[in-house]
Amino acid sequence: ESPTAPRTELKESFISAELTLEGKIEGNGNVRVAGRFKGDVNVQGDLTIEKGAQISGQVSAKNVIVEGTLEGNITRAERVELR
């Protein structure tokens, strides 16, 4: 990225506490989960699993912050933070 190029902020997707989803999440942005998600997550940005949230599946992200429950493996991350 050149010094004169505008810096693009990664967008954040949010799964609210009232939702339960099943499938696959892939993309370049950040993901914040407050509900329940069953499936694999593969994002280039950050993944935050909020307190009370649950993910069942494989996780790959730049940074993973776990405050809730992760039932699965973190296959790739530069940093993992357990709170």
N, C-alpha and C. Protein backbone atom coordinates (compact mmCIF):
# COMPACT_ATOMS: atom_id res chain seq x y z
N GLU A 1 0.86 -1.18 0.00
CA GLU A 1 0.00 0.00 0.00
C GLU A 1 0.89 1.23 0.00
N SER A 2 0.63 2.13 -0.92
CA SER A 2 1.48 3.31 -1.02
C SER A 2 1.08 4.33 0.04
N PRO A 3 2.02 5.20 0.43
CA PRO A 3 1.73 6.19 1.48
C PRO A 3 0.63 7.18 1.08
N THR A 4 0.42 7.36 -0.22
CA THR A 4 -0.61 8.31 -0.66
C THR A 4 -1.97 7.66 -0.88
N ALA A 5 -2.02 6.34 -0.85
CA ALA A 5 -3.30 5.64 -1.05
C ALA A 5 -4.18 5.81 0.19
N PRO A 6 -5.47 6.04 -0.02
CA PRO A 6 -6.35 6.17 1.15
C PRO A 6 -6.44 4.85 1.90
N ARG A 7 -6.46 4.94 3.20
CA ARG A 7 -6.51 3.75 4.02
C ARG A 7 -7.97 3.31 4.13
N THR A 8 -8.24 2.07 3.80
CA THR A 8 -9.61 1.58 3.86
C THR A 8 -9.84 0.86 5.17
N GLU A 9 -10.89 1.24 5.85
CA GLU A 9 -11.27 0.59 7.09
C GLU A 9 -12.03 -0.68 6.75
N LEU A 10 -11.76 -1.75 7.50
CA LEU A 10 -12.51 -2.98 7.30
C LEU A 10 -13.91 -2.81 7.89
N LYS A 11 -14.90 -3.23 7.15
CA LYS A 11 -16.28 -3.19 7.64
C LYS A 11 -16.47 -4.28 8.68
N GLU A 12 -17.43 -4.08 9.58
CA GLU A 12 -17.71 -5.08 10.60
C GLU A 12 -19.12 -5.60 10.42
N SER A 13 -19.27 -6.92 10.38
CA SER A 13 -20.57 -7.57 10.35
C SER A 13 -20.90 -8.02 11.75
N PHE A 14 -22.19 -7.98 12.10
CA PHE A 14 -22.61 -8.27 13.46
C PHE A 14 -23.73 -9.29 13.46
N ILE A 15 -23.58 -10.35 14.25
CA ILE A 15 -24.65 -11.33 14.46
C ILE A 15 -25.17 -11.07 15.86
N SER A 16 -26.40 -10.56 15.94
CA SER A 16 -26.93 -10.12 17.23
C SER A 16 -27.29 -11.29 18.14
N ALA A 17 -27.47 -10.97 19.41
CA ALA A 17 -27.73 -11.98 20.43
C ALA A 17 -29.02 -12.74 20.19
N GLU A 18 -29.95 -12.16 19.45
CA GLU A 18 -31.24 -12.80 19.22
C GLU A 18 -31.20 -13.81 18.07
N LEU A 19 -30.06 -13.91 17.38
CA LEU A 19 -29.98 -14.75 16.18
C LEU A 19 -29.21 -16.05 16.43
N THR A 20 -29.67 -17.09 15.75
CA THR A 20 -28.94 -18.35 15.65
C THR A 20 -28.81 -18.65 14.17
N LEU A 21 -27.58 -18.74 13.69
CA LEU A 21 -27.32 -18.97 12.27
C LEU A 21 -26.47 -20.21 12.08
N GLU A 22 -26.62 -20.82 10.91
CA GLU A 22 -25.81 -21.97 10.53
C GLU A 22 -25.33 -21.76 9.11
N GLY A 23 -24.07 -22.09 8.85
CA GLY A 23 -23.54 -21.92 7.50
C GLY A 23 -22.05 -21.70 7.51
N LYS A 24 -21.60 -20.73 6.71
CA LYS A 24 -20.17 -20.43 6.58
C LYS A 24 -20.01 -18.92 6.44
N ILE A 25 -19.04 -18.36 7.14
CA ILE A 25 -18.73 -16.94 7.03
C ILE A 25 -17.35 -16.82 6.40
N GLU A 26 -17.27 -16.08 5.28
CA GLU A 26 -15.99 -15.81 4.62
C GLU A 26 -15.98 -14.36 4.18
N GLY A 27 -14.82 -13.71 4.24
CA GLY A 27 -14.74 -12.35 3.75
C GLY A 27 -13.51 -11.63 4.24
N ASN A 28 -13.45 -10.33 3.88
CA ASN A 28 -12.30 -9.50 4.22
C ASN A 28 -12.50 -8.67 5.47
N GLY A 29 -13.72 -8.52 5.94
CA GLY A 29 -14.00 -7.62 7.04
C GLY A 29 -13.87 -8.26 8.40
N ASN A 30 -14.30 -7.49 9.41
CA ASN A 30 -14.33 -7.96 10.79
C ASN A 30 -15.71 -8.54 11.08
N VAL A 31 -15.77 -9.51 12.00
CA VAL A 31 -17.04 -10.13 12.38
C VAL A 31 -17.14 -10.12 13.90
N ARG A 32 -18.31 -9.69 14.39
CA ARG A 32 -18.60 -9.69 15.82
C ARG A 32 -19.84 -10.55 16.02
N VAL A 33 -19.73 -11.58 16.87
CA VAL A 33 -20.83 -12.50 17.11
C VAL A 33 -21.31 -12.33 18.54
N ALA A 34 -22.60 -12.03 18.69
CA ALA A 34 -23.21 -11.96 20.02
C ALA A 34 -24.24 -13.07 20.19
N GLY A 35 -24.62 -13.71 19.07
CA GLY A 35 -25.60 -14.79 19.10
C GLY A 35 -24.92 -16.15 18.99
N ARG A 36 -25.57 -17.05 18.26
CA ARG A 36 -25.02 -18.40 18.07
C ARG A 36 -24.80 -18.64 16.59
N PHE A 37 -23.64 -19.21 16.28
CA PHE A 37 -23.30 -19.53 14.89
C PHE A 37 -22.71 -20.91 14.84
N LYS A 38 -23.25 -21.75 13.93
CA LYS A 38 -22.73 -23.10 13.72
C LYS A 38 -22.16 -23.16 12.31
N GLY A 39 -20.85 -23.33 12.20
CA GLY A 39 -20.18 -23.39 10.91
C GLY A 39 -18.80 -22.78 11.01
N ASP A 40 -18.09 -22.79 9.90
CA ASP A 40 -16.72 -22.29 9.87
C ASP A 40 -16.69 -20.79 9.60
N VAL A 41 -15.70 -20.12 10.21
CA VAL A 41 -15.50 -18.68 10.01
C VAL A 41 -14.10 -18.49 9.45
N ASN A 42 -14.01 -17.84 8.28
CA ASN A 42 -12.72 -17.58 7.63
C ASN A 42 -12.73 -16.13 7.16
N VAL A 43 -12.14 -15.23 7.97
CA VAL A 43 -12.13 -13.81 7.63
C VAL A 43 -10.70 -13.27 7.69
N GLN A 44 -10.45 -12.25 6.86
CA GLN A 44 -9.13 -11.62 6.83
C GLN A 44 -8.98 -10.61 7.97
N GLY A 45 -10.10 -10.17 8.53
CA GLY A 45 -10.08 -9.21 9.64
C GLY A 45 -10.13 -9.91 10.98
N ASP A 46 -10.77 -9.25 11.94
CA ASP A 46 -10.85 -9.75 13.31
C ASP A 46 -12.17 -10.46 13.55
N LEU A 47 -12.14 -11.45 14.44
CA LEU A 47 -13.34 -12.13 14.89
C LEU A 47 -13.46 -11.91 16.38
N THR A 48 -14.61 -11.39 16.82
CA THR A 48 -14.88 -11.21 18.24
C THR A 48 -16.09 -12.06 18.61
N ILE A 49 -15.91 -12.93 19.60
CA ILE A 49 -17.01 -13.74 20.13
C ILE A 49 -17.36 -13.12 21.47
N GLU A 50 -18.49 -12.42 21.52
CA GLU A 50 -18.86 -11.68 22.72
C GLU A 50 -19.32 -12.60 23.85
N LYS A 51 -19.35 -12.07 25.04
CA LYS A 51 -19.81 -12.79 26.22
C LYS A 51 -21.23 -13.29 25.97
N GLY A 52 -21.46 -14.57 26.22
CA GLY A 52 -22.77 -15.17 26.00
C GLY A 52 -22.96 -15.73 24.60
N ALA A 53 -22.05 -15.43 23.68
CA ALA A 53 -22.14 -15.91 22.30
C ALA A 53 -21.49 -17.29 22.18
N GLN A 54 -21.84 -17.99 21.10
CA GLN A 54 -21.29 -19.33 20.89
C GLN A 54 -21.04 -19.56 19.41
N ILE A 55 -19.85 -20.08 19.10
CA ILE A 55 -19.52 -20.52 17.74
C ILE A 55 -19.10 -21.98 17.83
N SER A 56 -19.68 -22.79 16.94
CA SER A 56 -19.30 -24.19 16.81
C SER A 56 -18.74 -24.38 15.41
N GLY A 57 -17.41 -24.50 15.29
CA GLY A 57 -16.79 -24.67 13.99
C GLY A 57 -15.34 -24.24 14.01
N GLN A 58 -14.70 -24.33 12.85
CA GLN A 58 -13.31 -23.93 12.69
C GLN A 58 -13.23 -22.42 12.49
N VAL A 59 -12.20 -21.81 13.07
CA VAL A 59 -12.05 -20.36 13.00
C VAL A 59 -10.69 -20.01 12.41
N SER A 60 -10.71 -19.06 11.45
CA SER A 60 -9.49 -18.52 10.86
C SER A 60 -9.71 -17.02 10.71
N ALA A 61 -8.86 -16.21 11.38
CA ALA A 61 -9.01 -14.75 11.35
C ALA A 61 -7.67 -14.12 11.70
N LYS A 62 -7.55 -12.83 11.43
CA LYS A 62 -6.31 -12.12 11.77
C LYS A 62 -6.13 -12.12 13.28
N ASN A 63 -7.13 -11.64 14.00
CA ASN A 63 -7.14 -11.64 15.46
C ASN A 63 -8.44 -12.27 15.92
N VAL A 64 -8.37 -13.11 16.96
CA VAL A 64 -9.55 -13.75 17.51
C VAL A 64 -9.66 -13.35 18.97
N ILE A 65 -10.80 -12.76 19.34
CA ILE A 65 -11.06 -12.38 20.73
C ILE A 65 -12.23 -13.24 21.20
N VAL A 66 -12.00 -14.03 22.26
CA VAL A 66 -13.01 -14.95 22.75
C VAL A 66 -13.44 -14.53 24.15
N GLU A 67 -14.68 -14.04 24.26
CA GLU A 67 -15.28 -13.76 25.55
C GLU A 67 -16.37 -14.79 25.83
N GLY A 68 -16.93 -15.36 24.77
CA GLY A 68 -17.99 -16.36 24.88
C GLY A 68 -17.42 -17.76 24.75
N THR A 69 -18.11 -18.61 23.97
CA THR A 69 -17.74 -20.02 23.84
C THR A 69 -17.36 -20.34 22.40
N LEU A 70 -16.23 -21.01 22.23
CA LEU A 70 -15.80 -21.50 20.92
C LEU A 70 -15.65 -23.01 21.03
N GLU A 71 -16.47 -23.74 20.27
CA GLU A 71 -16.38 -25.19 20.20
C GLU A 71 -15.78 -25.53 18.84
N GLY A 72 -14.48 -25.62 18.78
CA GLY A 72 -13.78 -25.88 17.53
C GLY A 72 -12.35 -25.42 17.64
N ASN A 73 -11.65 -25.44 16.54
CA ASN A 73 -10.23 -25.08 16.53
C ASN A 73 -10.01 -23.73 15.85
N ILE A 74 -8.99 -23.04 16.31
CA ILE A 74 -8.51 -21.85 15.63
C ILE A 74 -7.38 -22.32 14.73
N THR A 75 -7.63 -22.29 13.41
CA THR A 75 -6.65 -22.84 12.47
C THR A 75 -5.61 -21.82 12.04
N ARG A 76 -5.95 -20.51 12.13
CA ARG A 76 -5.00 -19.45 11.77
C ARG A 76 -5.39 -18.19 12.51
N ALA A 77 -4.40 -17.57 13.14
CA ALA A 77 -4.61 -16.27 13.78
C ALA A 77 -3.25 -15.68 14.14
N GLU A 78 -3.11 -14.37 13.94
CA GLU A 78 -1.88 -13.71 14.38
C GLU A 78 -1.89 -13.55 15.89
N ARG A 79 -3.10 -13.36 16.43
CA ARG A 79 -3.22 -13.16 17.87
C ARG A 79 -4.55 -13.73 18.35
N VAL A 80 -4.52 -14.40 19.51
CA VAL A 80 -5.72 -14.93 20.15
C VAL A 80 -5.77 -14.35 21.55
N GLU A 81 -6.92 -13.79 21.89
CA GLU A 81 -7.11 -13.20 23.21
C GLU A 81 -8.30 -13.87 23.89
N LEU A 82 -8.04 -14.49 25.02
CA LEU A 82 -9.10 -15.14 25.81
C LEU A 82 -9.44 -14.24 26.98
N ARG A 83 -10.71 -13.88 27.06
CA ARG A 83 -11.13 -12.97 28.13
C ARG A 83 -12.03 -13.68 29.12
